[in-house]
Amino acid sequence: MTLHLQTVPARNGLLWIRHAFKVWQRKPLALTGLFSFSMFSALLLSLLPFGGLLLVAALPLMSLGFMLATHLVLQDKTPNIQVFAAPFKVNSPQSRTQLTLCAAYAASALVMALVLNWVDGATMDQAIRALQKEMAREKPDGDAMNAIWMEPAVLKALGWHLLASTLLAIPFWHAPALVHWGGQGAMQALFSSTLGLWRNRGAFSVNAMAWAGLIMGLSLLISGAALVLGPLLLLPLLALVLLLPTLFYASLYFTFIDCFMFGAPRDLLSK
């Protein structure tokens, strides 16, 4: 399939989220179930030797699986866990390319983790251990937990981790989809993905800020409601924990079709 790189307005970053809500409303149980399956699979992988590395390597395929699931929903079909195996049912060269991307992502993430550990002096690891110790208490001290995150060294380390994660995500954002639908090789897909995000950096910046706003707004809402409802908030909170990541992964498909003029329905909002 021929793909053509294009530049979209910055406001499309909001439309991607709106499309994700619309497509989730069509198949809420199927899409949320796929994310739940992914989390359960991640838990199982983490129990294996080198499971953490395998889990990181699987992330590009997880994003492509959700793109395929969204594509199926737009065709009025119900996606299932087979979407995660679909990239390996095309042809052998593309399957090998997908595995190459997975290996490259895992290797890059490992190098990034080593560099970050050297840069921040394991500050993040120490902060996480301190938080875990505080949360293990019978009555965790919220002020103490906030103080841990607000330490200058921790904030600086967070900044470095955010920058490194962003730089790592850019070349791999669309790469699996470019291999699957565009038949590109690994290096070409990584370059095309980077170019696509750069050309549409305005839309992606708006999209990132919108997601951050949603997360912060919901966090404040949940914190306020927890003071009133207490344990009654557990089920709604669990629903939100599943909903937001599901919506995010559903939105990935729309970032792809917008950047590369992929032949998908454009009248979703009118339905």
Protein backbone atom coordinates (compact mmCIF):
# COMPACT_ATOMS: atom_id res chain seq x y z
CA MET A 1 0.00 0.00 0.00
CA THR A 2 1.36 3.41 -0.98
CA LEU A 3 1.68 5.87 1.87
CA HIS A 4 2.23 9.60 1.48
CA LEU A 5 3.66 11.76 4.23
CA GLN A 6 1.59 14.85 4.91
CA THR A 7 1.48 17.75 7.36
CA VAL A 8 -1.69 18.31 9.40
CA PRO A 9 -2.84 21.28 11.50
CA ALA A 10 -1.89 21.40 15.17
CA ARG A 11 -5.58 21.12 16.15
CA ASN A 12 -5.60 17.55 14.81
CA GLY A 13 -3.80 16.56 18.00
CA LEU A 14 -7.13 17.06 19.77
CA LEU A 15 -9.05 15.26 17.03
CA TRP A 16 -6.96 12.13 17.55
CA ILE A 17 -8.20 11.94 21.13
CA ARG A 18 -11.77 12.67 20.07
CA HIS A 19 -11.58 9.90 17.45
CA ALA A 20 -10.25 7.52 20.12
CA PHE A 21 -13.29 8.22 22.31
CA LYS A 22 -15.60 7.65 19.34
CA VAL A 23 -14.03 4.37 18.30
CA TRP A 24 -13.97 3.13 21.91
CA GLN A 25 -17.71 3.81 22.19
CA ARG A 26 -18.27 1.37 19.32
CA LYS A 27 -16.47 -1.58 20.94
CA PRO A 28 -15.73 -0.64 24.57
CA LEU A 29 -15.49 -4.18 25.95
CA ALA A 30 -13.33 -5.46 23.09
CA LEU A 31 -10.81 -2.61 23.23
CA THR A 32 -10.63 -2.48 27.02
CA GLY A 33 -10.32 -6.26 27.06
CA LEU A 34 -7.34 -6.07 24.71
CA PHE A 35 -5.57 -3.66 27.05
CA SER A 36 -6.38 -5.87 30.04
CA PHE A 37 -4.98 -8.86 28.15
CA SER A 38 -1.82 -6.85 27.41
CA MET A 39 -1.36 -6.00 31.08
CA PHE A 40 -1.91 -9.61 32.14
CA SER A 41 0.61 -10.78 29.52
CA ALA A 42 3.08 -8.17 30.78
CA LEU A 43 2.68 -9.54 34.30
CA LEU A 44 3.42 -13.06 33.11
CA LEU A 45 6.45 -11.89 31.13
CA SER A 46 7.84 -10.08 34.15
CA LEU A 47 8.00 -13.41 36.00
CA LEU A 48 10.32 -14.95 33.40
CA PRO A 49 14.11 -14.65 33.28
CA PHE A 50 14.90 -11.50 31.25
CA GLY A 51 11.16 -10.94 31.23
CA GLY A 52 11.57 -7.21 31.64
CA LEU A 53 13.64 -7.00 28.46
CA LEU A 54 11.13 -9.17 26.59
CA LEU A 55 8.34 -6.91 27.79
CA VAL A 56 10.09 -3.81 26.46
CA ALA A 57 10.77 -5.57 23.15
CA ALA A 58 7.05 -6.36 22.79
CA LEU A 59 5.93 -2.72 23.10
CA PRO A 60 6.20 -1.90 19.35
CA LEU A 61 4.01 -4.91 18.56
CA MET A 62 1.52 -3.87 21.23
CA SER A 63 1.10 -0.46 19.61
CA LEU A 64 0.66 -2.05 16.17
CA GLY A 65 -1.84 -4.53 17.59
CA PHE A 66 -4.00 -1.68 18.85
CA MET A 67 -3.74 0.09 15.49
CA LEU A 68 -5.01 -3.08 13.82
CA ALA A 69 -7.78 -3.35 16.42
CA THR A 70 -8.91 0.23 15.76
CA HIS A 71 -8.81 -0.45 12.03
CA LEU A 72 -11.12 -3.44 12.53
CA VAL A 73 -13.56 -1.44 14.65
CA LEU A 74 -13.82 1.14 11.87
CA GLN A 75 -14.85 -1.73 9.60
CA ASP A 76 -17.58 -2.71 12.10
CA LYS A 77 -15.63 -5.79 13.16
CA THR A 78 -14.85 -6.92 16.69
CA PRO A 79 -11.10 -7.21 17.38
CA ASN A 80 -9.66 -9.97 19.55
CA ILE A 81 -6.20 -11.00 20.73
CA GLN A 82 -5.34 -12.26 17.24
CA VAL A 83 -4.48 -8.66 16.31
CA PHE A 84 -1.19 -9.10 18.15
CA ALA A 85 -0.28 -12.07 15.95
CA ALA A 86 -1.51 -10.48 12.70
CA PRO A 87 1.83 -8.73 11.89
CA PHE A 88 3.44 -12.17 11.55
CA LYS A 89 0.80 -13.46 9.13
CA VAL A 90 1.69 -11.14 6.26
CA ASN A 91 4.96 -12.54 4.90
CA SER A 92 8.32 -13.70 6.20
CA PRO A 93 10.36 -10.56 5.31
CA GLN A 94 7.91 -8.28 7.11
CA SER A 95 7.83 -10.61 10.10
CA ARG A 96 11.62 -10.50 10.33
CA THR A 97 11.53 -6.71 10.05
CA GLN A 98 9.03 -6.48 12.91
CA LEU A 99 11.28 -8.66 15.07
CA THR A 100 14.23 -6.46 14.12
CA LEU A 101 12.32 -3.40 15.30
CA CYS A 102 11.47 -5.14 18.57
CA ALA A 103 15.10 -6.09 19.16
CA ALA A 104 16.28 -2.58 18.25
CA TYR A 105 13.76 -1.02 20.64
CA ALA A 106 14.81 -3.28 23.51
CA ALA A 107 18.50 -2.64 22.88
CA SER A 108 17.94 1.12 22.65
CA ALA A 109 15.89 1.11 25.86
CA LEU A 110 18.63 -0.85 27.65
CA VAL A 111 21.33 1.58 26.53
CA MET A 112 19.09 4.50 27.50
CA ALA A 113 18.54 3.05 30.98
CA LEU A 114 22.29 2.60 31.51
CA VAL A 115 23.03 6.15 30.37
CA LEU A 116 20.27 7.61 32.56
CA ASN A 117 21.52 5.66 35.56
CA TRP A 118 24.96 7.16 34.96
CA VAL A 119 23.59 10.70 34.42
CA ASP A 120 21.27 10.91 37.44
CA GLY A 121 23.34 8.75 39.78
CA ALA A 122 20.45 6.31 40.35
CA THR A 123 18.38 9.16 41.80
CA MET A 124 15.17 7.78 40.30
CA ASP A 125 15.81 4.31 41.71
CA GLN A 126 16.37 5.76 45.16
CA ALA A 127 13.21 7.88 44.92
CA ILE A 128 11.13 4.88 43.84
CA ARG A 129 12.47 2.77 46.71
CA ALA A 130 11.67 5.58 49.15
CA LEU A 131 8.13 5.80 47.78
CA GLN A 132 7.65 2.05 48.02
CA LYS A 133 8.86 2.12 51.61
CA GLU A 134 6.41 4.91 52.45
CA MET A 135 3.49 3.16 50.72
CA ALA A 136 4.24 -0.06 52.61
CA ARG A 137 3.42 1.64 55.88
CA GLU A 138 0.04 1.18 57.52
CA LYS A 139 -0.74 4.88 57.03
CA PRO A 140 1.35 6.37 54.19
CA ASP A 141 2.23 10.03 54.65
CA GLY A 142 1.07 11.95 51.58
CA ASP A 143 3.22 14.98 52.44
CA ALA A 144 6.30 12.78 52.68
CA MET A 145 5.55 11.20 49.30
CA ASN A 146 5.09 14.63 47.69
CA ALA A 147 8.35 15.80 49.26
CA ILE A 148 10.20 12.91 47.62
CA TRP A 149 8.97 13.90 44.16
CA MET A 150 9.61 17.60 44.73
CA GLU A 151 13.27 17.23 45.59
CA PRO A 152 15.37 19.16 43.00
CA ALA A 153 17.51 16.11 42.19
CA VAL A 154 14.42 13.96 41.57
CA LEU A 155 12.79 16.64 39.39
CA LYS A 156 15.98 16.92 37.36
CA ALA A 157 16.13 13.14 36.97
CA LEU A 158 12.47 13.11 35.88
CA GLY A 159 13.29 15.68 33.22
CA TRP A 160 16.12 13.57 31.86
CA HIS A 161 13.94 10.45 31.82
CA LEU A 162 11.13 12.29 30.01
CA LEU A 163 13.52 13.65 27.39
CA ALA A 164 15.15 10.27 26.82
CA SER A 165 11.79 8.47 26.59
CA THR A 166 10.55 11.00 24.04
CA LEU A 167 13.66 10.66 21.88
CA LEU A 168 13.35 6.87 22.00
CA ALA A 169 9.64 6.89 21.13
CA ILE A 170 9.91 9.15 18.07
CA PRO A 171 11.56 6.74 15.57
CA PHE A 172 9.47 3.78 16.77
CA TRP A 173 6.11 5.59 16.96
CA HIS A 174 4.94 4.71 13.44
CA ALA A 175 7.68 2.27 12.43
CA PRO A 176 5.72 -1.00 13.00
CA ALA A 177 2.72 0.38 11.08
CA LEU A 178 4.96 1.54 8.23
CA VAL A 179 6.36 -1.97 7.98
CA HIS A 180 2.94 -3.61 8.16
CA TRP A 181 0.97 -1.37 5.81
CA GLY A 182 3.76 0.28 3.83
CA GLY A 183 6.13 -2.68 3.45
CA GLN A 184 9.10 -0.54 4.49
CA GLY A 185 12.36 -1.90 5.80
CA ALA A 186 13.47 -1.31 9.38
CA MET A 187 15.77 1.67 8.73
CA GLN A 188 13.36 3.28 6.28
CA ALA A 189 10.46 2.87 8.74
CA LEU A 190 12.47 4.42 11.59
CA PHE A 191 13.44 7.36 9.39
CA SER A 192 9.90 7.82 8.06
CA SER A 193 8.46 7.73 11.57
CA THR A 194 10.93 10.37 12.75
CA LEU A 195 10.16 12.56 9.73
CA GLY A 196 6.42 12.11 10.25
CA LEU A 197 6.56 13.25 13.87
CA TRP A 198 8.86 16.15 13.01
CA ARG A 199 6.63 17.37 10.18
CA ASN A 200 3.61 17.19 12.50
CA ARG A 201 5.32 18.27 15.73
CA GLY A 202 2.63 20.90 16.32
CA ALA A 203 -0.17 18.32 16.33
CA PHE A 204 1.84 15.92 18.50
CA SER A 205 2.67 18.71 20.96
CA VAL A 206 -1.02 19.60 21.29
CA ASN A 207 -1.85 15.91 21.64
CA ALA A 208 0.73 15.42 24.41
CA MET A 209 -0.49 18.47 26.32
CA ALA A 210 -4.10 17.31 26.00
CA TRP A 211 -3.28 13.88 27.40
CA ALA A 212 -1.31 15.47 30.24
CA GLY A 213 -4.26 17.73 31.00
CA LEU A 214 -6.67 14.79 31.02
CA ILE A 215 -4.47 12.79 33.38
CA MET A 216 -3.90 15.72 35.74
CA GLY A 217 -7.58 16.70 35.71
CA LEU A 218 -8.75 13.18 36.46
CA SER A 219 -6.11 12.78 39.17
CA LEU A 220 -7.35 15.91 40.91
CA LEU A 221 -10.95 14.75 40.52
CA ILE A 222 -10.16 11.34 41.99
CA SER A 223 -8.14 12.85 44.86
CA GLY A 224 -11.01 15.17 45.75
CA ALA A 225 -13.64 12.46 45.47
CA ALA A 226 -11.54 10.08 47.57
CA LEU A 227 -11.88 12.41 50.55
CA VAL A 228 -15.67 12.07 50.33
CA LEU A 229 -16.27 8.57 48.99
CA GLY A 230 -13.27 6.68 50.37
CA PRO A 231 -13.30 2.95 49.46
CA LEU A 232 -16.41 3.47 47.30
CA LEU A 233 -14.10 5.07 44.73
CA LEU A 234 -12.14 1.86 44.12
CA LEU A 235 -14.22 0.54 41.19
CA PRO A 236 -14.48 3.87 39.31
CA LEU A 237 -10.75 4.35 39.81
CA LEU A 238 -10.04 0.90 38.38
CA ALA A 239 -12.24 1.74 35.38
CA LEU A 240 -10.27 4.93 34.74
CA VAL A 241 -6.96 3.09 35.08
CA LEU A 242 -8.09 0.80 32.25
CA LEU A 243 -9.89 3.45 30.18
CA LEU A 244 -7.22 6.11 29.72
CA PRO A 245 -4.45 3.80 28.42
CA THR A 246 -6.98 2.05 26.17
CA LEU A 247 -7.99 5.40 24.66
CA PHE A 248 -4.36 6.35 24.21
CA TYR A 249 -3.53 3.18 22.30
CA ALA A 250 -6.70 3.52 20.22
CA SER A 251 -5.61 7.03 19.25
CA LEU A 252 -2.30 5.77 17.79
CA TYR A 253 -4.08 4.61 14.65
CA PHE A 254 -5.38 8.10 13.95
CA THR A 255 -1.95 9.66 14.38
CA PHE A 256 -0.73 7.23 11.72
CA ILE A 257 -3.46 7.72 9.13
CA ASP A 258 -3.25 11.49 9.51
CA CYS A 259 0.52 11.62 9.04
CA PHE A 260 0.68 9.15 6.15
CA MET A 261 -2.66 9.55 4.32
CA PHE A 262 -3.62 5.96 5.01
CA GLY A 263 -6.86 4.86 3.35
CA ALA A 264 -9.17 4.77 6.37
CA PRO A 265 -12.68 6.21 6.93
CA ARG A 266 -12.54 9.98 7.50
CA ASP A 267 -16.21 10.41 8.42
CA LEU A 268 -15.99 8.76 11.85
CA LEU A 269 -17.21 11.86 13.69
CA SER A 270 -20.33 12.09 11.55
CA LYS A 271 -21.49 8.60 12.47
